[in-house]
Amino acid sequence: AVLTCLALTWLNPHVYLDTVFLLGSVAADRGPLRWTFGVGAAVASLVWFAALGFGARYLGRFLARPAAWRVLDGLVAATMIALGVSLVAGA
């Protein structure tokens, strides 16, 4: 299981596309604070995925109900619609 986890992590091309190319190109625009930006993005990523893991444990009983999924789906839909409207309005 550990070897599979390591293989999925380090042999995944998205690891390099997202971290090296995407994060690197965005951080390069930050001038002398590019390392601060990169470290901040890495820390935010660690916090986000740890929160997902621990949050799943605590929300497991709540999300076992179909009504909870309908509410979550509604929130996701509202967020996507709001983002779409803001993109269209800004274009």
PDB file of N, CA and C in Angstrom:
ATOM      1  N   ALA A   1       0.826  -1.190   0.000  1.00  0.00           N
ATOM      2  CA  ALA A   1       0.000   0.000   0.000  1.00  0.00           C
ATOM      3  C   ALA A   1       0.875   1.259   0.000  1.00  0.00           C
ATOM      4  N   VAL A   2       1.949   1.223   0.760  1.00  0.00           N
ATOM      5  CA  VAL A   2       2.830   2.398   0.823  1.00  0.00           C
ATOM      6  C   VAL A   2       3.515   2.619  -0.527  1.00  0.00           C
ATOM      7  N   LEU A   3       3.977   1.542  -1.148  1.00  0.00           N
ATOM      8  CA  LEU A   3       4.614   1.670  -2.463  1.00  0.00           C
ATOM      9  C   LEU A   3       3.631   2.174  -3.512  1.00  0.00           C
ATOM     10  N   THR A   4       2.397   1.713  -3.456  1.00  0.00           N
ATOM     11  CA  THR A   4       1.382   2.205  -4.391  1.00  0.00           C
ATOM     12  C   THR A   4       1.135   3.691  -4.180  1.00  0.00           C
ATOM     13  N   CYS A   5       1.051   4.098  -2.935  1.00  0.00           N
ATOM     14  CA  CYS A   5       0.853   5.518  -2.616  1.00  0.00           C
ATOM     15  C   CYS A   5       2.020   6.353  -3.129  1.00  0.00           C
ATOM     16  N   LEU A   6       3.227   5.897  -2.909  1.00  0.00           N
ATOM     17  CA  LEU A   6       4.404   6.623  -3.396  1.00  0.00           C
ATOM     18  C   LEU A   6       4.442   6.666  -4.920  1.00  0.00           C
ATOM     19  N   ALA A   7       4.083   5.566  -5.556  1.00  0.00           N
ATOM     20  CA  ALA A   7       4.083   5.537  -7.020  1.00  0.00           C
ATOM     21  C   ALA A   7       3.036   6.484  -7.588  1.00  0.00           C
ATOM     22  N   LEU A   8       1.838   6.490  -6.994  1.00  0.00           N
ATOM     23  CA  LEU A   8       0.785   7.395  -7.470  1.00  0.00           C
ATOM     24  C   LEU A   8       1.167   8.856  -7.246  1.00  0.00           C
ATOM     25  N   THR A   9       1.946   9.113  -6.236  1.00  0.00           N
ATOM     26  CA  THR A   9       2.365  10.485  -5.956  1.00  0.00           C
ATOM     27  C   THR A   9       3.498  10.916  -6.874  1.00  0.00           C
ATOM     28  N   TRP A  10       4.593  10.161  -6.900  1.00  0.00           N
ATOM     29  CA  TRP A  10       5.807  10.617  -7.590  1.00  0.00           C
ATOM     30  C   TRP A  10       5.843  10.277  -9.069  1.00  0.00           C
ATOM     31  N   LEU A  11       5.026   9.331  -9.521  1.00  0.00           N
ATOM     32  CA  LEU A  11       4.991   8.995 -10.942  1.00  0.00           C
ATOM     33  C   LEU A  11       3.824   9.674 -11.661  1.00  0.00           C
ATOM     34  N   ASN A  12       3.074  10.477 -10.949  1.00  0.00           N
ATOM     35  CA  ASN A  12       1.930  11.188 -11.513  1.00  0.00           C
ATOM     36  C   ASN A  12       2.426  12.448 -12.223  1.00  0.00           C
ATOM     37  N   PRO A  13       2.184  12.575 -13.517  1.00  0.00           N
ATOM     38  CA  PRO A  13       2.680  13.764 -14.226  1.00  0.00           C
ATOM     39  C   PRO A  13       2.037  15.060 -13.753  1.00  0.00           C
ATOM     40  N   HIS A  14       0.848  14.997 -13.167  1.00  0.00           N
ATOM     41  CA  HIS A  14       0.201  16.211 -12.678  1.00  0.00           C
ATOM     42  C   HIS A  14       0.961  16.830 -11.506  1.00  0.00           C
ATOM     43  N   VAL A  15       1.697  16.005 -10.771  1.00  0.00           N
ATOM     44  CA  VAL A  15       2.521  16.541  -9.681  1.00  0.00           C
ATOM     45  C   VAL A  15       3.498  17.568 -10.239  1.00  0.00           C
ATOM     46  N   TYR A  16       4.123  17.215 -11.334  1.00  0.00           N
ATOM     47  CA  TYR A  16       5.140  18.097 -11.905  1.00  0.00           C
ATOM     48  C   TYR A  16       4.511  19.241 -12.688  1.00  0.00           C
ATOM     49  N   LEU A  17       3.409  18.980 -13.381  1.00  0.00           N
ATOM     50  CA  LEU A  17       2.743  20.051 -14.124  1.00  0.00           C
ATOM     51  C   LEU A  17       2.209  21.123 -13.173  1.00  0.00           C
ATOM     52  N   ASP A  18       1.561  20.691 -12.108  1.00  0.00           N
ATOM     53  CA  ASP A  18       0.971  21.654 -11.180  1.00  0.00           C
ATOM     54  C   ASP A  18       2.020  22.378 -10.353  1.00  0.00           C
ATOM     55  N   THR A  19       2.953  21.643  -9.802  1.00  0.00           N
ATOM     56  CA  THR A  19       3.896  22.288  -8.890  1.00  0.00           C
ATOM     57  C   THR A  19       5.014  23.015  -9.615  1.00  0.00           C
ATOM     58  N   VAL A  20       5.622  22.376 -10.560  1.00  0.00           N
ATOM     59  CA  VAL A  20       6.783  22.985 -11.209  1.00  0.00           C
ATOM     60  C   VAL A  20       6.364  24.054 -12.203  1.00  0.00           C
ATOM     61  N   PHE A  21       5.498  23.703 -13.119  1.00  0.00           N
ATOM     62  CA  PHE A  21       5.167  24.638 -14.195  1.00  0.00           C
ATOM     63  C   PHE A  21       4.143  25.692 -13.765  1.00  0.00           C
ATOM     64  N   LEU A  22       3.008  25.254 -13.243  1.00  0.00           N
ATOM     65  CA  LEU A  22       1.958  26.203 -12.885  1.00  0.00           C
ATOM     66  C   LEU A  22       2.368  27.073 -11.703  1.00  0.00           C
ATOM     67  N   LEU A  23       2.724  26.450 -10.601  1.00  0.00           N
ATOM     68  CA  LEU A  23       3.114  27.214  -9.417  1.00  0.00           C
ATOM     69  C   LEU A  23       4.391  28.000  -9.672  1.00  0.00           C
ATOM     70  N   GLY A  24       5.325  27.411 -10.390  1.00  0.00           N
ATOM     71  CA  GLY A  24       6.574  28.105 -10.692  1.00  0.00           C
ATOM     72  C   GLY A  24       6.372  29.331 -11.559  1.00  0.00           C
ATOM     73  N   SER A  25       5.504  29.227 -12.556  1.00  0.00           N
ATOM     74  CA  SER A  25       5.282  30.385 -13.424  1.00  0.00           C
ATOM     75  C   SER A  25       4.521  31.495 -12.703  1.00  0.00           C
ATOM     76  N   VAL A  26       3.582  31.133 -11.837  1.00  0.00           N
ATOM     77  CA  VAL A  26       2.867  32.159 -11.071  1.00  0.00           C
ATOM     78  C   VAL A  26       3.812  32.799 -10.048  1.00  0.00           C
ATOM     79  N   ALA A  27       4.632  32.000  -9.397  1.00  0.00           N
ATOM     80  CA  ALA A  27       5.565  32.537  -8.400  1.00  0.00           C
ATOM     81  C   ALA A  27       6.624  33.417  -9.043  1.00  0.00           C
ATOM     82  N   ALA A  28       7.004  33.125 -10.264  1.00  0.00           N
ATOM     83  CA  ALA A  28       8.040  33.916 -10.932  1.00  0.00           C
ATOM     84  C   ALA A  28       7.605  35.361 -11.133  1.00  0.00           C
ATOM     85  N   ASP A  29       6.302  35.592 -11.241  1.00  0.00           N
ATOM     86  CA  ASP A  29       5.784  36.947 -11.413  1.00  0.00           C
ATOM     87  C   ASP A  29       5.798  37.758 -10.114  1.00  0.00           C
ATOM     88  N   ARG A  30       6.120  37.143  -9.013  1.00  0.00           N
ATOM     89  CA  ARG A  30       6.076  37.811  -7.708  1.00  0.00           C
ATOM     90  C   ARG A  30       7.387  38.507  -7.349  1.00  0.00           C
ATOM     91  N   GLY A  31       8.351  38.469  -8.236  1.00  0.00           N
ATOM     92  CA  GLY A  31       9.622  39.166  -8.001  1.00  0.00           C
ATOM     93  C   GLY A  31      10.396  38.581  -6.840  1.00  0.00           C
ATOM     94  N   PRO A  32      10.897  39.443  -5.951  1.00  0.00           N
ATOM     95  CA  PRO A  32      11.733  38.947  -4.850  1.00  0.00           C
ATOM     96  C   PRO A  32      10.963  38.113  -3.821  1.00  0.00           C
ATOM     97  N   LEU A  33       9.635  38.173  -3.868  1.00  0.00           N
ATOM     98  CA  LEU A  33       8.838  37.384  -2.921  1.00  0.00           C
ATOM     99  C   LEU A  33       8.392  36.040  -3.502  1.00  0.00           C
ATOM    100  N   ARG A  34       9.025  35.618  -4.592  1.00  0.00           N
ATOM    101  CA  ARG A  34       8.585  34.384  -5.244  1.00  0.00           C
ATOM    102  C   ARG A  34       8.751  33.166  -4.343  1.00  0.00           C
ATOM    103  N   TRP A  35       9.798  33.135  -3.525  1.00  0.00           N
ATOM    104  CA  TRP A  35       9.982  31.987  -2.639  1.00  0.00           C
ATOM    105  C   TRP A  35       8.948  32.003  -1.520  1.00  0.00           C
ATOM    106  N   THR A  36       8.618  33.180  -1.039  1.00  0.00           N
ATOM    107  CA  THR A  36       7.583  33.295  -0.013  1.00  0.00           C
ATOM    108  C   THR A  36       6.241  32.821  -0.564  1.00  0.00           C
ATOM    109  N   PHE A  37       5.931  33.226  -1.799  1.00  0.00           N
ATOM    110  CA  PHE A  37       4.701  32.787  -2.442  1.00  0.00           C
ATOM    111  C   PHE A  37       4.695  31.268  -2.595  1.00  0.00           C
ATOM    112  N   GLY A  38       5.779  30.694  -3.062  1.00  0.00           N
ATOM    113  CA  GLY A  38       5.856  29.245  -3.258  1.00  0.00           C
ATOM    114  C   GLY A  38       5.710  28.471  -1.964  1.00  0.00           C
ATOM    115  N   VAL A  39       6.378  28.924  -0.912  1.00  0.00           N
ATOM    116  CA  VAL A  39       6.265  28.251   0.387  1.00  0.00           C
ATOM    117  C   VAL A  39       4.843  28.394   0.929  1.00  0.00           C
ATOM    118  N   GLY A  40       4.255  29.583   0.768  1.00  0.00           N
ATOM    119  CA  GLY A  40       2.876  29.787   1.215  1.00  0.00           C
ATOM    120  C   GLY A  40       1.904  28.881   0.481  1.00  0.00           C
ATOM    121  N   ALA A  41       2.095  28.708  -0.818  1.00  0.00           N
ATOM    122  CA  ALA A  41       1.231  27.824  -1.604  1.00  0.00           C
ATOM    123  C   ALA A  41       1.402  26.372  -1.160  1.00  0.00           C
ATOM    124  N   ALA A  42       2.630  25.969  -0.865  1.00  0.00           N
ATOM    125  CA  ALA A  42       2.869  24.599  -0.414  1.00  0.00           C
ATOM    126  C   ALA A  42       2.235  24.348   0.955  1.00  0.00           C
ATOM    127  N   VAL A  43       2.363  25.311   1.860  1.00  0.00           N
ATOM    128  CA  VAL A  43       1.767  25.164   3.190  1.00  0.00           C
ATOM    129  C   VAL A  43       0.236  25.133   3.081  1.00  0.00           C
ATOM    130  N   ALA A  44      -0.325  26.005   2.233  1.00  0.00           N
ATOM    131  CA  ALA A  44      -1.777  26.002   2.038  1.00  0.00           C
ATOM    132  C   ALA A  44      -2.250  24.664   1.490  1.00  0.00           C
ATOM    133  N   SER A  45      -1.480  24.066   0.594  1.00  0.00           N
ATOM    134  CA  SER A  45      -1.834  22.765   0.045  1.00  0.00           C
ATOM    135  C   SER A  45      -1.818  21.689   1.131  1.00  0.00           C
ATOM    136  N   LEU A  46      -0.792  21.694   1.957  1.00  0.00           N
ATOM    137  CA  LEU A  46      -0.721  20.712   3.046  1.00  0.00           C
ATOM    138  C   LEU A  46      -1.891  20.863   4.009  1.00  0.00           C
ATOM    139  N   VAL A  47      -2.207  22.096   4.371  1.00  0.00           N
ATOM    140  CA  VAL A  47      -3.319  22.347   5.290  1.00  0.00           C
ATOM    141  C   VAL A  47      -4.640  21.903   4.654  1.00  0.00           C
ATOM    142  N   TRP A  48      -4.824  22.217   3.365  1.00  0.00           N
ATOM    143  CA  TRP A  48      -6.063  21.848   2.670  1.00  0.00           C
ATOM    144  C   TRP A  48      -6.260  20.340   2.648  1.00  0.00           C
ATOM    145  N   PHE A  49      -5.225  19.589   2.254  1.00  0.00           N
ATOM    146  CA  PHE A  49      -5.394  18.142   2.147  1.00  0.00           C
ATOM    147  C   PHE A  49      -5.485  17.473   3.512  1.00  0.00           C
ATOM    148  N   ALA A  50      -4.815  18.020   4.518  1.00  0.00           N
ATOM    149  CA  ALA A  50      -4.986  17.488   5.874  1.00  0.00           C
ATOM    150  C   ALA A  50      -6.406  17.750   6.364  1.00  0.00           C
ATOM    151  N   ALA A  51      -6.936  18.937   6.091  1.00  0.00           N
ATOM    152  CA  ALA A  51      -8.308  19.249   6.486  1.00  0.00           C
ATOM    153  C   ALA A  51      -9.304  18.341   5.771  1.00  0.00           C
ATOM    154  N   LEU A  52      -9.051  18.038   4.494  1.00  0.00           N
ATOM    155  CA  LEU A  52      -9.928  17.107   3.776  1.00  0.00           C
ATOM    156  C   LEU A  52      -9.921  15.724   4.427  1.00  0.00           C
ATOM    157  N   GLY A  53      -8.735  15.253   4.763  1.00  0.00           N
ATOM    158  CA  GLY A  53      -8.623  13.923   5.364  1.00  0.00           C
ATOM    159  C   GLY A  53      -9.288  13.832   6.724  1.00  0.00           C
ATOM    160  N   PHE A  54      -8.970  14.779   7.600  1.00  0.00           N
ATOM    161  CA  PHE A  54      -9.559  14.759   8.940  1.00  0.00           C
ATOM    162  C   PHE A  54     -11.029  15.147   8.908  1.00  0.00           C
ATOM    163  N   GLY A  55     -11.389  16.064   8.012  1.00  0.00           N
ATOM    164  CA  GLY A  55     -12.782  16.471   7.894  1.00  0.00           C
ATOM    165  C   GLY A  55     -13.667  15.337   7.410  1.00  0.00           C
ATOM    166  N   ALA A  56     -13.144  14.503   6.519  1.00  0.00           N
ATOM    167  CA  ALA A  56     -13.913  13.362   6.023  1.00  0.00           C
ATOM    168  C   ALA A  56     -14.256  12.413   7.161  1.00  0.00           C
ATOM    169  N   ARG A  57     -13.352  12.275   8.073  1.00  0.00           N
ATOM    170  CA  ARG A  57     -13.595  11.397   9.220  1.00  0.00           C
ATOM    171  C   ARG A  57     -14.728  11.934  10.090  1.00  0.00           C
ATOM    172  N   TYR A  58     -14.714  13.238  10.315  1.00  0.00           N
ATOM    173  CA  TYR A  58     -15.723  13.832  11.185  1.00  0.00           C
ATOM    174  C   TYR A  58     -17.073  14.026  10.484  1.00  0.00           C
ATOM    175  N   LEU A  59     -17.046  14.238   9.171  1.00  0.00           N
ATOM    176  CA  LEU A  59     -18.289  14.476   8.446  1.00  0.00           C
ATOM    177  C   LEU A  59     -18.897  13.196   7.857  1.00  0.00           C
ATOM    178  N   GLY A  60     -18.250  12.074   8.075  1.00  0.00           N
ATOM    179  CA  GLY A  60     -18.715  10.813   7.497  1.00  0.00           C
ATOM    180  C   GLY A  60     -20.143  10.471   7.870  1.00  0.00           C
ATOM    181  N   ARG A  61     -20.488  10.619   9.144  1.00  0.00           N
ATOM    182  CA  ARG A  61     -21.851  10.294   9.579  1.00  0.00           C
ATOM    183  C   ARG A  61     -22.868  11.277   9.005  1.00  0.00           C
ATOM    184  N   PHE A  62     -22.484  12.550   8.945  1.00  0.00           N
ATOM    185  CA  PHE A  62     -23.378  13.571   8.399  1.00  0.00           C
ATOM    186  C   PHE A  62     -23.617  13.358   6.912  1.00  0.00           C
ATOM    187  N   LEU A  63     -22.557  13.030   6.175  1.00  0.00           N
ATOM    188  CA  LEU A  63     -22.664  12.860   4.728  1.00  0.00           C
ATOM    189  C   LEU A  63     -23.236  11.503   4.327  1.00  0.00           C
ATOM    190  N   ALA A  64     -23.566  10.677   5.280  1.00  0.00           N
ATOM    191  CA  ALA A  64     -24.190   9.393   4.974  1.00  0.00           C
ATOM    192  C   ALA A  64     -25.659   9.576   4.600  1.00  0.00           C
ATOM    193  N   ARG A  65     -26.212  10.754   4.888  1.00  0.00           N
ATOM    194  CA  ARG A  65     -27.626  11.025   4.581  1.00  0.00           C
ATOM    195  C   ARG A  65     -27.756  11.646   3.193  1.00  0.00           C
ATOM    196  N   PRO A  66     -28.715  11.196   2.391  1.00  0.00           N
ATOM    197  CA  PRO A  66     -28.913  11.768   1.047  1.00  0.00           C
ATOM    198  C   PRO A  66     -29.246  13.263   1.075  1.00  0.00           C
ATOM    199  N   ALA A  67     -29.940  13.712   2.106  1.00  0.00           N
ATOM    200  CA  ALA A  67     -30.297  15.142   2.192  1.00  0.00           C
ATOM    201  C   ALA A  67     -29.045  16.013   2.315  1.00  0.00           C
ATOM    202  N   ALA A  68     -28.045  15.523   3.006  1.00  0.00           N
ATOM    203  CA  ALA A  68     -26.797  16.283   3.152  1.00  0.00           C
ATOM    204  C   ALA A  68     -26.121  16.445   1.795  1.00  0.00           C
ATOM    205  N   TRP A  69     -26.180  15.414   0.965  1.00  0.00           N
ATOM    206  CA  TRP A  69     -25.575  15.496  -0.359  1.00  0.00           C
ATOM    207  C   TRP A  69     -26.339  16.454  -1.265  1.00  0.00           C
ATOM    208  N   ARG A  70     -27.663  16.513  -1.100  1.00  0.00           N
ATOM    209  CA  ARG A  70     -28.444  17.474  -1.889  1.00  0.00           C
ATOM    210  C   ARG A  70     -28.071  18.907  -1.515  1.00  0.00           C
ATOM    211  N   VAL A  71     -27.888  19.157  -0.232  1.00  0.00           N
ATOM    212  CA  VAL A  71     -27.476  20.493   0.223  1.00  0.00           C
ATOM    213  C   VAL A  71     -26.077  20.810  -0.312  1.00  0.00           C
ATOM    214  N   LEU A  72     -25.159  19.868  -0.200  1.00  0.00           N
ATOM    215  CA  LEU A  72     -23.795  20.082  -0.701  1.00  0.00           C
ATOM    216  C   LEU A  72     -23.794  20.309  -2.211  1.00  0.00           C
ATOM    217  N   ASP A  73     -24.564  19.525  -2.944  1.00  0.00           N
ATOM    218  CA  ASP A  73     -24.661  19.707  -4.397  1.00  0.00           C
ATOM    219  C   ASP A  73     -25.243  21.073  -4.735  1.00  0.00           C
ATOM    220  N   GLY A  74     -26.218  21.521  -3.971  1.00  0.00           N
ATOM    221  CA  GLY A  74     -26.794  22.846  -4.191  1.00  0.00           C
ATOM    222  C   GLY A  74     -25.786  23.949  -3.949  1.00  0.00           C
ATOM    223  N   LEU A  75     -24.976  23.806  -2.914  1.00  0.00           N
ATOM    224  CA  LEU A  75     -23.930  24.807  -2.639  1.00  0.00           C
ATOM    225  C   LEU A  75     -22.880  24.842  -3.748  1.00  0.00           C
ATOM    226  N   VAL A  76     -22.502  23.673  -4.234  1.00  0.00           N
ATOM    227  CA  VAL A  76     -21.535  23.615  -5.334  1.00  0.00           C
ATOM    228  C   VAL A  76     -22.125  24.246  -6.588  1.00  0.00           C
ATOM    229  N   ALA A  77     -23.391  23.945  -6.876  1.00  0.00           N
ATOM    230  CA  ALA A  77     -24.039  24.523  -8.055  1.00  0.00           C
ATOM    231  C   ALA A  77     -24.134  26.039  -7.938  1.00  0.00           C
ATOM    232  N   ALA A  78     -24.504  26.541  -6.768  1.00  0.00           N
ATOM    233  CA  ALA A  78     -24.599  27.990  -6.571  1.00  0.00           C
ATOM    234  C   ALA A  78     -23.242  28.656  -6.739  1.00  0.00           C
ATOM    235  N   THR A  79     -22.198  28.011  -6.244  1.00  0.00           N
ATOM    236  CA  THR A  79     -20.843  28.556  -6.388  1.00  0.00           C
ATOM    237  C   THR A  79     -20.434  28.595  -7.856  1.00  0.00           C
ATOM    238  N   MET A  80     -20.699  27.525  -8.587  1.00  0.00           N
ATOM    239  CA  MET A  80     -20.330  27.484  -9.999  1.00  0.00           C
ATOM    240  C   MET A  80     -21.110  28.517 -10.812  1.00  0.00           C
ATOM    241  N   ILE A  81     -22.387  28.685 -10.504  1.00  0.00           N
ATOM    242  CA  ILE A  81     -23.188  29.691 -11.211  1.00  0.00           C
ATOM    243  C   ILE A  81     -22.658  31.090 -10.910  1.00  0.00           C
ATOM    244  N   ALA A  82     -22.346  31.358  -9.649  1.00  0.00           N
ATOM    245  CA  ALA A  82     -21.817  32.677  -9.280  1.00  0.00           C
ATOM    246  C   ALA A  82     -20.486  32.936  -9.982  1.00  0.00           C
ATOM    247  N   LEU A  83     -19.614  31.943 -10.050  1.00  0.00           N
ATOM    248  CA  LEU A  83     -18.345  32.108 -10.750  1.00  0.00           C
ATOM    249  C   LEU A  83     -18.560  32.342 -12.240  1.00  0.00           C
ATOM    250  N   GLY A  84     -19.478  31.590 -12.835  1.00  0.00           N
ATOM    251  CA  GLY A  84     -19.773  31.761 -14.256  1.00  0.00           C
ATOM    252  C   GLY A  84     -20.327  33.145 -14.560  1.00  0.00           C
ATOM    253  N   VAL A  85     -21.247  33.611 -13.729  1.00  0.00           N
ATOM    254  CA  VAL A  85     -21.813  34.953 -13.930  1.00  0.00           C
ATOM    255  C   VAL A  85     -20.740  36.019 -13.773  1.00  0.00           C
ATOM    256  N   SER A  86     -19.861  35.852 -12.783  1.00  0.00           N
ATOM    257  CA  SER A  86     -18.800  36.853 -12.602  1.00  0.00           C
ATOM    258  C   SER A  86     -17.817  36.847 -13.769  1.00  0.00           C
ATOM    259  N   LEU A  87     -17.564  35.681 -14.349  1.00  0.00           N
ATOM    260  CA  LEU A  87     -16.677  35.621 -15.510  1.00  0.00           C
ATOM    261  C   LEU A  87     -17.318  36.264 -16.731  1.00  0.00           C
ATOM    262  N   VAL A  88     -18.601  36.013 -16.940  1.00  0.00           N
ATOM    263  CA  VAL A  88     -19.298  36.602 -18.073  1.00  0.00           C
ATOM    264  C   VAL A  88     -19.412  38.116 -17.892  1.00  0.00           C
ATOM    265  N   ALA A  89     -19.689  38.549 -16.677  1.00  0.00           N
ATOM    266  CA  ALA A  89     -19.832  39.982 -16.417  1.00  0.00           C
ATOM    267  C   ALA A  89     -18.500  40.713 -16.578  1.00  0.00           C
ATOM    268  N   GLY A  90     -17.411  40.039 -16.291  1.00  0.00           N
ATOM    269  CA  GLY A  90     -16.094  40.658 -16.416  1.00  0.00           C
ATOM    270  C   GLY A  90     -15.536  40.646 -17.824  1.00  0.00           C
ATOM    271  N   ALA A  91     -16.132  39.875 -18.719  1.00  0.00           N
ATOM    272  CA  ALA A  91     -15.600  39.746 -20.081  1.00  0.00           C
ATOM    273  C   ALA A  91     -15.976  40.875 -20.985  1.00  0.00           C
TER     274      ALA A  91
END
